[in-house]
């Protein structure tokens, strides 16, 4: 890894950690940076998941008090998240780099559209009459599908979870964020174990990203209240659509 590669990956991971701490969307920076320095697509996705996992774990721990009220509800949701994460991780490992390369622009487009219209999606799907602790077959199936997607790619998974939780009747943003952080941490943790066991991680790049993403997370948390959320969202959306156009042009 050259000095240029080190700087590019490190700066991108720092920005990803900061963005995730404030509003999400960090994968739009860190994943393309790994591709730019020559890491194969499947390895890049696996390495990115490993590098950004500590942030999701710390986010879940921060909301432990809010989560204590939903222990029985979270058990089945956690189980399907675990199973879905394994499924998505294995699906990625069995996907060839050439196939995944063709999927990248479509996955980026899907994640960017989700991020752009996340509030509207949650509003359209919300069903207030449903119980907040509804763990019906439909809700569990939806969480399983979201977890498979998260294990396979990751970008936009949180938005899908927010929409799913809104469907179940949750309307408090802190409550939604608490549950989303825990379930995301489960998915990321199990996929990380899968990727490491399969030897699919580029450790030189991942270790640099782990360090700088953690610093970025602390930085982002410290300035979260100083940056207008609207402008940060606009920046993430612009980056997402810009990268989508670039990878469509590069692929096709």
C-alpha atoms as a PDB file:
ATOM      1  CA  UNK A   1       0.000   0.000   0.000  1.00  0.00           C
ATOM      2  CA  UNK A   2       1.553   3.282  -1.145  1.00  0.00           C
ATOM      3  CA  UNK A   3       1.471   6.522   0.814  1.00  0.00           C
ATOM      4  CA  UNK A   4      -1.200   7.824  -1.565  1.00  0.00           C
ATOM      5  CA  UNK A   5      -3.336   4.750  -0.951  1.00  0.00           C
ATOM      6  CA  UNK A   6      -2.839   5.111   2.795  1.00  0.00           C
ATOM      7  CA  UNK A   7      -3.941   8.748   2.755  1.00  0.00           C
ATOM      8  CA  UNK A   8      -6.945   8.160   0.500  1.00  0.00           C
ATOM      9  CA  UNK A   9      -8.273   5.189   2.479  1.00  0.00           C
ATOM     10  CA  UNK A  10      -7.536   6.831   5.838  1.00  0.00           C
ATOM     11  CA  UNK A  11      -9.219  10.144   4.960  1.00  0.00           C
ATOM     12  CA  UNK A  12     -12.241   8.385   3.438  1.00  0.00           C
ATOM     13  CA  UNK A  13     -12.663   6.208   6.542  1.00  0.00           C
ATOM     14  CA  UNK A  14     -12.341   9.263   8.787  1.00  0.00           C
ATOM     15  CA  UNK A  15     -15.103  10.956   6.810  1.00  0.00           C
ATOM     16  CA  UNK A  16     -17.201   7.788   6.898  1.00  0.00           C
ATOM     17  CA  UNK A  17     -16.903   7.526  10.671  1.00  0.00           C
ATOM     18  CA  UNK A  18     -17.866  11.187  11.085  1.00  0.00           C
ATOM     19  CA  UNK A  19     -20.808  10.904   8.683  1.00  0.00           C
ATOM     20  CA  UNK A  20     -22.138   7.767  10.368  1.00  0.00           C
ATOM     21  CA  UNK A  21     -21.952   9.463  13.765  1.00  0.00           C
ATOM     22  CA  UNK A  22     -23.986  12.420  12.524  1.00  0.00           C
ATOM     23  CA  UNK A  23     -26.397  11.220   9.853  1.00  0.00           C
ATOM     24  CA  UNK A  24     -25.252   7.940   8.275  1.00  0.00           C
ATOM     25  CA  UNK A  25     -24.128   7.324   4.717  1.00  0.00           C
ATOM     26  CA  UNK A  26     -20.437   6.774   5.475  1.00  0.00           C
ATOM     27  CA  UNK A  27     -20.198   3.775   3.153  1.00  0.00           C
ATOM     28  CA  UNK A  28     -20.570   6.160   0.210  1.00  0.00           C
ATOM     29  CA  UNK A  29     -17.056   7.411   1.031  1.00  0.00           C
ATOM     30  CA  UNK A  30     -15.171   4.404   2.386  1.00  0.00           C
ATOM     31  CA  UNK A  31     -16.258   1.672  -0.058  1.00  0.00           C
ATOM     32  CA  UNK A  32     -15.412   3.593  -3.281  1.00  0.00           C
ATOM     33  CA  UNK A  33     -12.058   4.599  -1.750  1.00  0.00           C
ATOM     34  CA  UNK A  34     -11.122   0.938  -1.383  1.00  0.00           C
ATOM     35  CA  UNK A  35     -12.097   0.300  -4.997  1.00  0.00           C
ATOM     36  CA  UNK A  36     -10.039   3.317  -6.073  1.00  0.00           C
ATOM     37  CA  UNK A  37      -6.839   1.921  -4.561  1.00  0.00           C
ATOM     38  CA  UNK A  38      -7.286  -1.398  -6.322  1.00  0.00           C
ATOM     39  CA  UNK A  39      -8.966  -3.611  -3.720  1.00  0.00           C
ATOM     40  CA  UNK A  40     -11.208  -6.199  -5.482  1.00  0.00           C
ATOM     41  CA  UNK A  41     -14.952  -5.433  -5.087  1.00  0.00           C
ATOM     42  CA  UNK A  42     -15.896  -8.365  -2.828  1.00  0.00           C
ATOM     43  CA  UNK A  43     -12.820  -7.870  -0.626  1.00  0.00           C
ATOM     44  CA  UNK A  44     -13.488  -4.116  -0.526  1.00  0.00           C
ATOM     45  CA  UNK A  45     -17.042  -4.652   0.692  1.00  0.00           C
ATOM     46  CA  UNK A  46     -15.934  -7.174   3.320  1.00  0.00           C
ATOM     47  CA  UNK A  47     -13.078  -4.929   4.515  1.00  0.00           C
ATOM     48  CA  UNK A  48     -15.388  -1.913   4.693  1.00  0.00           C
ATOM     49  CA  UNK A  49     -17.878  -3.845   6.847  1.00  0.00           C
ATOM     50  CA  UNK A  50     -15.142  -4.887   9.264  1.00  0.00           C
ATOM     51  CA  UNK A  51     -13.708  -1.371   9.492  1.00  0.00           C
ATOM     52  CA  UNK A  52     -17.026   0.324  10.280  1.00  0.00           C
ATOM     53  CA  UNK A  53     -18.393  -2.292  12.701  1.00  0.00           C
ATOM     54  CA  UNK A  54     -17.029  -0.765  15.965  1.00  0.00           C
ATOM     55  CA  UNK A  55     -19.137   2.353  15.361  1.00  0.00           C
ATOM     56  CA  UNK A  56     -22.348   0.325  15.126  1.00  0.00           C
ATOM     57  CA  UNK A  57     -21.465  -1.583  18.302  1.00  0.00           C
ATOM     58  CA  UNK A  58     -20.793   1.603  20.258  1.00  0.00           C
ATOM     59  CA  UNK A  59     -24.042   3.092  18.948  1.00  0.00           C
ATOM     60  CA  UNK A  60     -26.003   0.095  20.211  1.00  0.00           C
ATOM     61  CA  UNK A  61     -24.311   0.274  23.630  1.00  0.00           C
ATOM     62  CA  UNK A  62     -25.149   3.959  23.949  1.00  0.00           C
ATOM     63  CA  UNK A  63     -28.876   3.128  23.719  1.00  0.00           C
ATOM     64  CA  UNK A  64     -28.843   0.174  26.147  1.00  0.00           C
ATOM     65  CA  UNK A  65     -31.276   1.847  28.593  1.00  0.00           C
ATOM     66  CA  UNK A  66     -33.859   2.539  25.889  1.00  0.00           C
ATOM     67  CA  UNK A  67     -33.533  -1.037  24.620  1.00  0.00           C
ATOM     68  CA  UNK A  68     -34.120  -2.636  28.022  1.00  0.00           C
ATOM     69  CA  UNK A  69     -37.896  -2.104  27.634  1.00  0.00           C
ATOM     70  CA  UNK A  70     -38.026  -4.288  24.520  1.00  0.00           C
ATOM     71  CA  UNK A  71     -36.075  -7.377  25.534  1.00  0.00           C
ATOM     72  CA  UNK A  72     -38.760  -9.926  24.595  1.00  0.00           C
ATOM     73  CA  UNK A  73     -39.533  -8.108  21.352  1.00  0.00           C
ATOM     74  CA  UNK A  74     -35.869  -7.849  20.373  1.00  0.00           C
ATOM     75  CA  UNK A  75     -35.071 -11.553  20.855  1.00  0.00           C
ATOM     76  CA  UNK A  76     -36.894 -12.800  17.707  1.00  0.00           C
ATOM     77  CA  UNK A  77     -35.792  -9.704  15.777  1.00  0.00           C
ATOM     78  CA  UNK A  78     -32.189 -10.329  16.848  1.00  0.00           C
ATOM     79  CA  UNK A  79     -32.374 -13.991  15.816  1.00  0.00           C
ATOM     80  CA  UNK A  80     -33.598 -13.226  12.286  1.00  0.00           C
ATOM     81  CA  UNK A  81     -31.000 -10.440  12.009  1.00  0.00           C
ATOM     82  CA  UNK A  82     -28.312 -12.973  12.936  1.00  0.00           C
ATOM     83  CA  UNK A  83     -29.550 -15.494  10.368  1.00  0.00           C
ATOM     84  CA  UNK A  84     -30.016 -12.863   7.662  1.00  0.00           C
ATOM     85  CA  UNK A  85     -26.555 -11.412   8.285  1.00  0.00           C
ATOM     86  CA  UNK A  86     -24.961 -14.829   7.824  1.00  0.00           C
ATOM     87  CA  UNK A  87     -26.968 -15.388   4.648  1.00  0.00           C
ATOM     88  CA  UNK A  88     -25.979 -12.030   3.177  1.00  0.00           C
ATOM     89  CA  UNK A  89     -22.324 -12.489   4.080  1.00  0.00           C
ATOM     90  CA  UNK A  90     -22.185 -15.946   2.499  1.00  0.00           C
ATOM     91  CA  UNK A  91     -23.987 -14.629  -0.581  1.00  0.00           C
ATOM     92  CA  UNK A  92     -21.284 -11.972  -0.974  1.00  0.00           C
ATOM     93  CA  UNK A  93     -18.478 -14.522  -0.582  1.00  0.00           C
ATOM     94  CA  UNK A  94     -20.005 -16.729  -3.280  1.00  0.00           C
ATOM     95  CA  UNK A  95     -20.421 -13.773  -5.650  1.00  0.00           C
ATOM     96  CA  UNK A  96     -17.575 -13.365  -8.143  1.00  0.00           C
ATOM     97  CA  UNK A  97     -15.816  -9.986  -8.374  1.00  0.00           C
ATOM     98  CA  UNK A  98     -16.916  -9.535 -11.990  1.00  0.00           C
ATOM     99  CA  UNK A  99     -20.573 -10.060 -11.063  1.00  0.00           C
ATOM    100  CA  UNK A 100     -20.358  -7.824  -7.991  1.00  0.00           C
ATOM    101  CA  UNK A 101     -18.674  -5.093 -10.068  1.00  0.00           C
ATOM    102  CA  UNK A 102     -21.744  -4.987 -12.317  1.00  0.00           C
ATOM    103  CA  UNK A 103     -24.018  -4.830  -9.278  1.00  0.00           C
ATOM    104  CA  UNK A 104     -22.160  -1.914  -7.626  1.00  0.00           C
ATOM    105  CA  UNK A 105     -23.856   0.974  -9.519  1.00  0.00           C
ATOM    106  CA  UNK A 106     -27.307  -0.562  -8.983  1.00  0.00           C
ATOM    107  CA  UNK A 107     -26.643  -1.103  -5.273  1.00  0.00           C
ATOM    108  CA  UNK A 108     -25.335   2.466  -4.918  1.00  0.00           C
ATOM    109  CA  UNK A 109     -28.382   3.827  -6.756  1.00  0.00           C
ATOM    110  CA  UNK A 110     -30.749   1.834  -4.555  1.00  0.00           C
ATOM    111  CA  UNK A 111     -29.006   2.970  -1.364  1.00  0.00           C
ATOM    112  CA  UNK A 112     -28.871   6.618  -2.488  1.00  0.00           C
ATOM    113  CA  UNK A 113     -32.560   6.709  -3.398  1.00  0.00           C
ATOM    114  CA  UNK A 114     -33.387   5.138  -0.043  1.00  0.00           C
ATOM    115  CA  UNK A 115     -31.325   7.741   1.770  1.00  0.00           C
ATOM    116  CA  UNK A 116     -32.810  10.596  -0.250  1.00  0.00           C
ATOM    117  CA  UNK A 117     -36.425   9.619   0.403  1.00  0.00           C
ATOM    118  CA  UNK A 118     -35.996   7.958   3.806  1.00  0.00           C
ATOM    119  CA  UNK A 119     -38.413  10.320   5.601  1.00  0.00           C
ATOM    120  CA  UNK A 120     -41.080   9.960   2.932  1.00  0.00           C
ATOM    121  CA  UNK A 121     -40.681   6.171   2.838  1.00  0.00           C
ATOM    122  CA  UNK A 122     -41.088   5.923   6.595  1.00  0.00           C
ATOM    123  CA  UNK A 123     -44.162   8.166   6.428  1.00  0.00           C
ATOM    124  CA  UNK A 124     -45.798   6.195   3.635  1.00  0.00           C
ATOM    125  CA  UNK A 125     -45.193   2.870   5.338  1.00  0.00           C
ATOM    126  CA  UNK A 126     -46.138   3.908   8.868  1.00  0.00           C
ATOM    127  CA  UNK A 127     -49.167   2.110  10.314  1.00  0.00           C
ATOM    128  CA  UNK A 128     -49.906   3.659  13.721  1.00  0.00           C
ATOM    129  CA  UNK A 129     -52.580   1.126  14.599  1.00  0.00           C
ATOM    130  CA  UNK A 130     -50.042  -1.677  14.838  1.00  0.00           C
ATOM    131  CA  UNK A 131     -48.448  -2.640  18.127  1.00  0.00           C
ATOM    132  CA  UNK A 132     -44.868  -1.494  18.722  1.00  0.00           C
ATOM    133  CA  UNK A 133     -44.004  -4.988  19.848  1.00  0.00           C
ATOM    134  CA  UNK A 134     -45.618  -6.704  16.892  1.00  0.00           C
ATOM    135  CA  UNK A 135     -43.291  -9.565  15.934  1.00  0.00           C
ATOM    136  CA  UNK A 136     -45.566 -11.053  13.291  1.00  0.00           C
ATOM    137  CA  UNK A 137     -44.360 -13.280  10.494  1.00  0.00           C
ATOM    138  CA  UNK A 138     -44.449 -10.332   8.089  1.00  0.00           C
ATOM    139  CA  UNK A 139     -42.292  -8.086  10.267  1.00  0.00           C
ATOM    140  CA  UNK A 140     -39.779 -10.864  10.969  1.00  0.00           C
ATOM    141  CA  UNK A 141     -39.638 -11.736   7.272  1.00  0.00           C
ATOM    142  CA  UNK A 142     -39.025  -8.084   6.448  1.00  0.00           C
ATOM    143  CA  UNK A 143     -36.215  -7.850   8.999  1.00  0.00           C
ATOM    144  CA  UNK A 144     -34.678 -11.032   7.587  1.00  0.00           C
ATOM    145  CA  UNK A 145     -34.669  -9.544   4.078  1.00  0.00           C
ATOM    146  CA  UNK A 146     -33.129  -6.294   5.345  1.00  0.00           C
ATOM    147  CA  UNK A 147     -30.440  -8.274   7.192  1.00  0.00           C
ATOM    148  CA  UNK A 148     -29.562 -10.299   4.092  1.00  0.00           C
ATOM    149  CA  UNK A 149     -29.187  -7.051   2.152  1.00  0.00           C
ATOM    150  CA  UNK A 150     -27.056  -5.591   4.956  1.00  0.00           C
ATOM    151  CA  UNK A 151     -24.792  -8.631   5.049  1.00  0.00           C
ATOM    152  CA  UNK A 152     -24.389  -8.505   1.272  1.00  0.00           C
ATOM    153  CA  UNK A 153     -23.781  -4.762   0.790  1.00  0.00           C
ATOM    154  CA  UNK A 154     -24.662  -2.672   3.843  1.00  0.00           C
ATOM    155  CA  UNK A 155     -25.225   0.817   2.437  1.00  0.00           C
ATOM    156  CA  UNK A 156     -28.832   1.821   3.053  1.00  0.00           C
ATOM    157  CA  UNK A 157     -29.547  -1.001   5.494  1.00  0.00           C
ATOM    158  CA  UNK A 158     -30.270   1.420   8.330  1.00  0.00           C
ATOM    159  CA  UNK A 159     -32.808   3.272   6.202  1.00  0.00           C
ATOM    160  CA  UNK A 160     -34.571   0.013   5.349  1.00  0.00           C
ATOM    161  CA  UNK A 161     -34.714  -0.842   9.052  1.00  0.00           C
ATOM    162  CA  UNK A 162     -36.124   2.580   9.913  1.00  0.00           C
ATOM    163  CA  UNK A 163     -38.901   2.073   7.357  1.00  0.00           C
ATOM    164  CA  UNK A 164     -39.607  -1.415   8.694  1.00  0.00           C
ATOM    165  CA  UNK A 165     -39.787  -0.188  12.283  1.00  0.00           C
ATOM    166  CA  UNK A 166     -42.080   2.653  11.234  1.00  0.00           C
ATOM    167  CA  UNK A 167     -44.385   0.047   9.703  1.00  0.00           C
ATOM    168  CA  UNK A 168     -44.579  -1.702  13.083  1.00  0.00           C
ATOM    169  CA  UNK A 169     -45.829   1.464  14.822  1.00  0.00           C
ATOM    170  CA  UNK A 170     -42.673   3.075  16.232  1.00  0.00           C
ATOM    171  CA  UNK A 171     -42.858   6.847  15.987  1.00  0.00           C
ATOM    172  CA  UNK A 172     -40.191   8.063  18.425  1.00  0.00           C
ATOM    173  CA  UNK A 173     -36.927   8.838  16.600  1.00  0.00           C
ATOM    174  CA  UNK A 174     -34.722   7.841  19.557  1.00  0.00           C
ATOM    175  CA  UNK A 175     -36.619   4.601  19.985  1.00  0.00           C
ATOM    176  CA  UNK A 176     -36.260   3.787  16.297  1.00  0.00           C
ATOM    177  CA  UNK A 177     -32.567   4.680  16.305  1.00  0.00           C
ATOM    178  CA  UNK A 178     -31.920   2.527  19.385  1.00  0.00           C
ATOM    179  CA  UNK A 179     -33.505  -0.588  17.872  1.00  0.00           C
ATOM    180  CA  UNK A 180     -31.919   0.069  14.472  1.00  0.00           C
ATOM    181  CA  UNK A 181     -28.450   0.404  16.019  1.00  0.00           C
ATOM    182  CA  UNK A 182     -28.779  -2.877  17.913  1.00  0.00           C
ATOM    183  CA  UNK A 183     -30.072  -4.891  14.955  1.00  0.00           C
ATOM    184  CA  UNK A 184     -27.461  -3.318  12.660  1.00  0.00           C
ATOM    185  CA  UNK A 185     -24.724  -4.220  15.143  1.00  0.00           C
ATOM    186  CA  UNK A 186     -25.911  -7.846  15.122  1.00  0.00           C
ATOM    187  CA  UNK A 187     -25.868  -7.998  11.313  1.00  0.00           C
ATOM    188  CA  UNK A 188     -22.458  -6.348  11.001  1.00  0.00           C
ATOM    189  CA  UNK A 189     -20.900  -8.436  13.770  1.00  0.00           C
ATOM    190  CA  UNK A 190     -21.940 -11.774  12.311  1.00  0.00           C
ATOM    191  CA  UNK A 191     -20.899 -10.783   8.786  1.00  0.00           C
ATOM    192  CA  UNK A 192     -17.532  -9.636  10.112  1.00  0.00           C
ATOM    193  CA  UNK A 193     -16.939 -13.068  11.665  1.00  0.00           C
ATOM    194  CA  UNK A 194     -17.971 -14.677   8.370  1.00  0.00           C
ATOM    195  CA  UNK A 195     -15.652 -12.469   6.303  1.00  0.00           C
ATOM    196  CA  UNK A 196     -12.679 -12.942   8.636  1.00  0.00           C
ATOM    197  CA  UNK A 197     -13.148 -16.721   8.795  1.00  0.00           C
ATOM    198  CA  UNK A 198     -13.266 -16.849   4.995  1.00  0.00           C
ATOM    199  CA  UNK A 199     -10.096 -14.754   4.647  1.00  0.00           C
ATOM    200  CA  UNK A 200     -11.943 -12.134   2.599  1.00  0.00           C
ATOM    201  CA  UNK A 201     -10.511  -9.082   4.409  1.00  0.00           C
ATOM    202  CA  UNK A 202      -7.597  -6.926   3.262  1.00  0.00           C
ATOM    203  CA  UNK A 203      -6.030  -6.292   6.654  1.00  0.00           C
ATOM    204  CA  UNK A 204      -3.556  -3.493   5.763  1.00  0.00           C
ATOM    205  CA  UNK A 205      -6.418  -1.358   4.452  1.00  0.00           C
ATOM    206  CA  UNK A 206      -8.842  -2.454   7.164  1.00  0.00           C
ATOM    207  CA  UNK A 207      -6.523  -1.624  10.077  1.00  0.00           C
ATOM    208  CA  UNK A 208      -5.935   1.890   8.719  1.00  0.00           C
ATOM    209  CA  UNK A 209      -9.673   2.365   8.298  1.00  0.00           C
ATOM    210  CA  UNK A 210     -10.445   1.029  11.764  1.00  0.00           C
ATOM    211  CA  UNK A 211      -8.181   3.644  13.350  1.00  0.00           C
ATOM    212  CA  UNK A 212      -9.279   6.616  11.247  1.00  0.00           C
ATOM    213  CA  UNK A 213     -13.004   5.695  11.245  1.00  0.00           C
ATOM    214  CA  UNK A 214     -12.926   5.546  15.049  1.00  0.00           C
ATOM    215  CA  UNK A 215     -11.329   8.999  15.194  1.00  0.00           C
ATOM    216  CA  UNK A 216     -13.881  10.239  12.686  1.00  0.00           C
ATOM    217  CA  UNK A 217     -16.682   8.863  14.824  1.00  0.00           C
ATOM    218  CA  UNK A 218     -15.467  10.803  17.863  1.00  0.00           C
ATOM    219  CA  UNK A 219     -15.061  13.927  15.740  1.00  0.00           C
ATOM    220  CA  UNK A 220     -18.499  13.548  14.204  1.00  0.00           C
ATOM    221  CA  UNK A 221     -20.157  13.037  17.565  1.00  0.00           C
ATOM    222  CA  UNK A 222     -18.486  16.154  18.949  1.00  0.00           C
ATOM    223  CA  UNK A 223     -19.666  18.402  16.118  1.00  0.00           C
ATOM    224  CA  UNK A 224     -22.996  16.729  15.423  1.00  0.00           C
ATOM    225  CA  UNK A 225     -24.956  19.597  16.958  1.00  0.00           C
ATOM    226  CA  UNK A 226     -22.975  22.276  15.106  1.00  0.00           C
ATOM    227  CA  UNK A 227     -23.590  21.092  11.540  1.00  0.00           C
ATOM    228  CA  UNK A 228     -27.073  21.609  10.063  1.00  0.00           C
ATOM    229  CA  UNK A 229     -28.378  18.103   9.433  1.00  0.00           C
ATOM    230  CA  UNK A 230     -30.054  19.235   6.203  1.00  0.00           C
ATOM    231  CA  UNK A 231     -26.774  20.302   4.610  1.00  0.00           C
ATOM    232  CA  UNK A 232     -25.025  17.119   5.672  1.00  0.00           C
ATOM    233  CA  UNK A 233     -27.816  15.036   4.158  1.00  0.00           C
ATOM    234  CA  UNK A 234     -27.529  17.024   0.939  1.00  0.00           C
ATOM    235  CA  UNK A 235     -23.787  16.363   0.832  1.00  0.00           C
ATOM    236  CA  UNK A 236     -24.291  12.617   1.345  1.00  0.00           C
ATOM    237  CA  UNK A 237     -26.972  12.526  -1.360  1.00  0.00           C
ATOM    238  CA  UNK A 238     -24.731  14.438  -3.795  1.00  0.00           C
ATOM    239  CA  UNK A 239     -21.853  12.033  -3.139  1.00  0.00           C
ATOM    240  CA  UNK A 240     -24.158   9.032  -3.540  1.00  0.00           C
ATOM    241  CA  UNK A 241     -25.612  10.139  -6.867  1.00  0.00           C
ATOM    242  CA  UNK A 242     -22.200  11.274  -8.133  1.00  0.00           C
ATOM    243  CA  UNK A 243     -20.663   7.881  -7.397  1.00  0.00           C
ATOM    244  CA  UNK A 244     -23.667   6.106  -8.915  1.00  0.00           C
ATOM    245  CA  UNK A 245     -23.239   7.975 -12.199  1.00  0.00           C
ATOM    246  CA  UNK A 246     -19.492   7.320 -12.177  1.00  0.00           C
ATOM    247  CA  UNK A 247     -19.846   3.566 -11.642  1.00  0.00           C
ATOM    248  CA  UNK A 248     -22.600   3.263 -14.247  1.00  0.00           C
ATOM    249  CA  UNK A 249     -20.267   5.006 -16.724  1.00  0.00           C
ATOM    250  CA  UNK A 250     -17.318   2.823 -15.668  1.00  0.00           C
ATOM    251  CA  UNK A 251     -19.304  -0.424 -15.775  1.00  0.00           C
ATOM    252  CA  UNK A 252     -21.323   0.081 -18.933  1.00  0.00           C
END
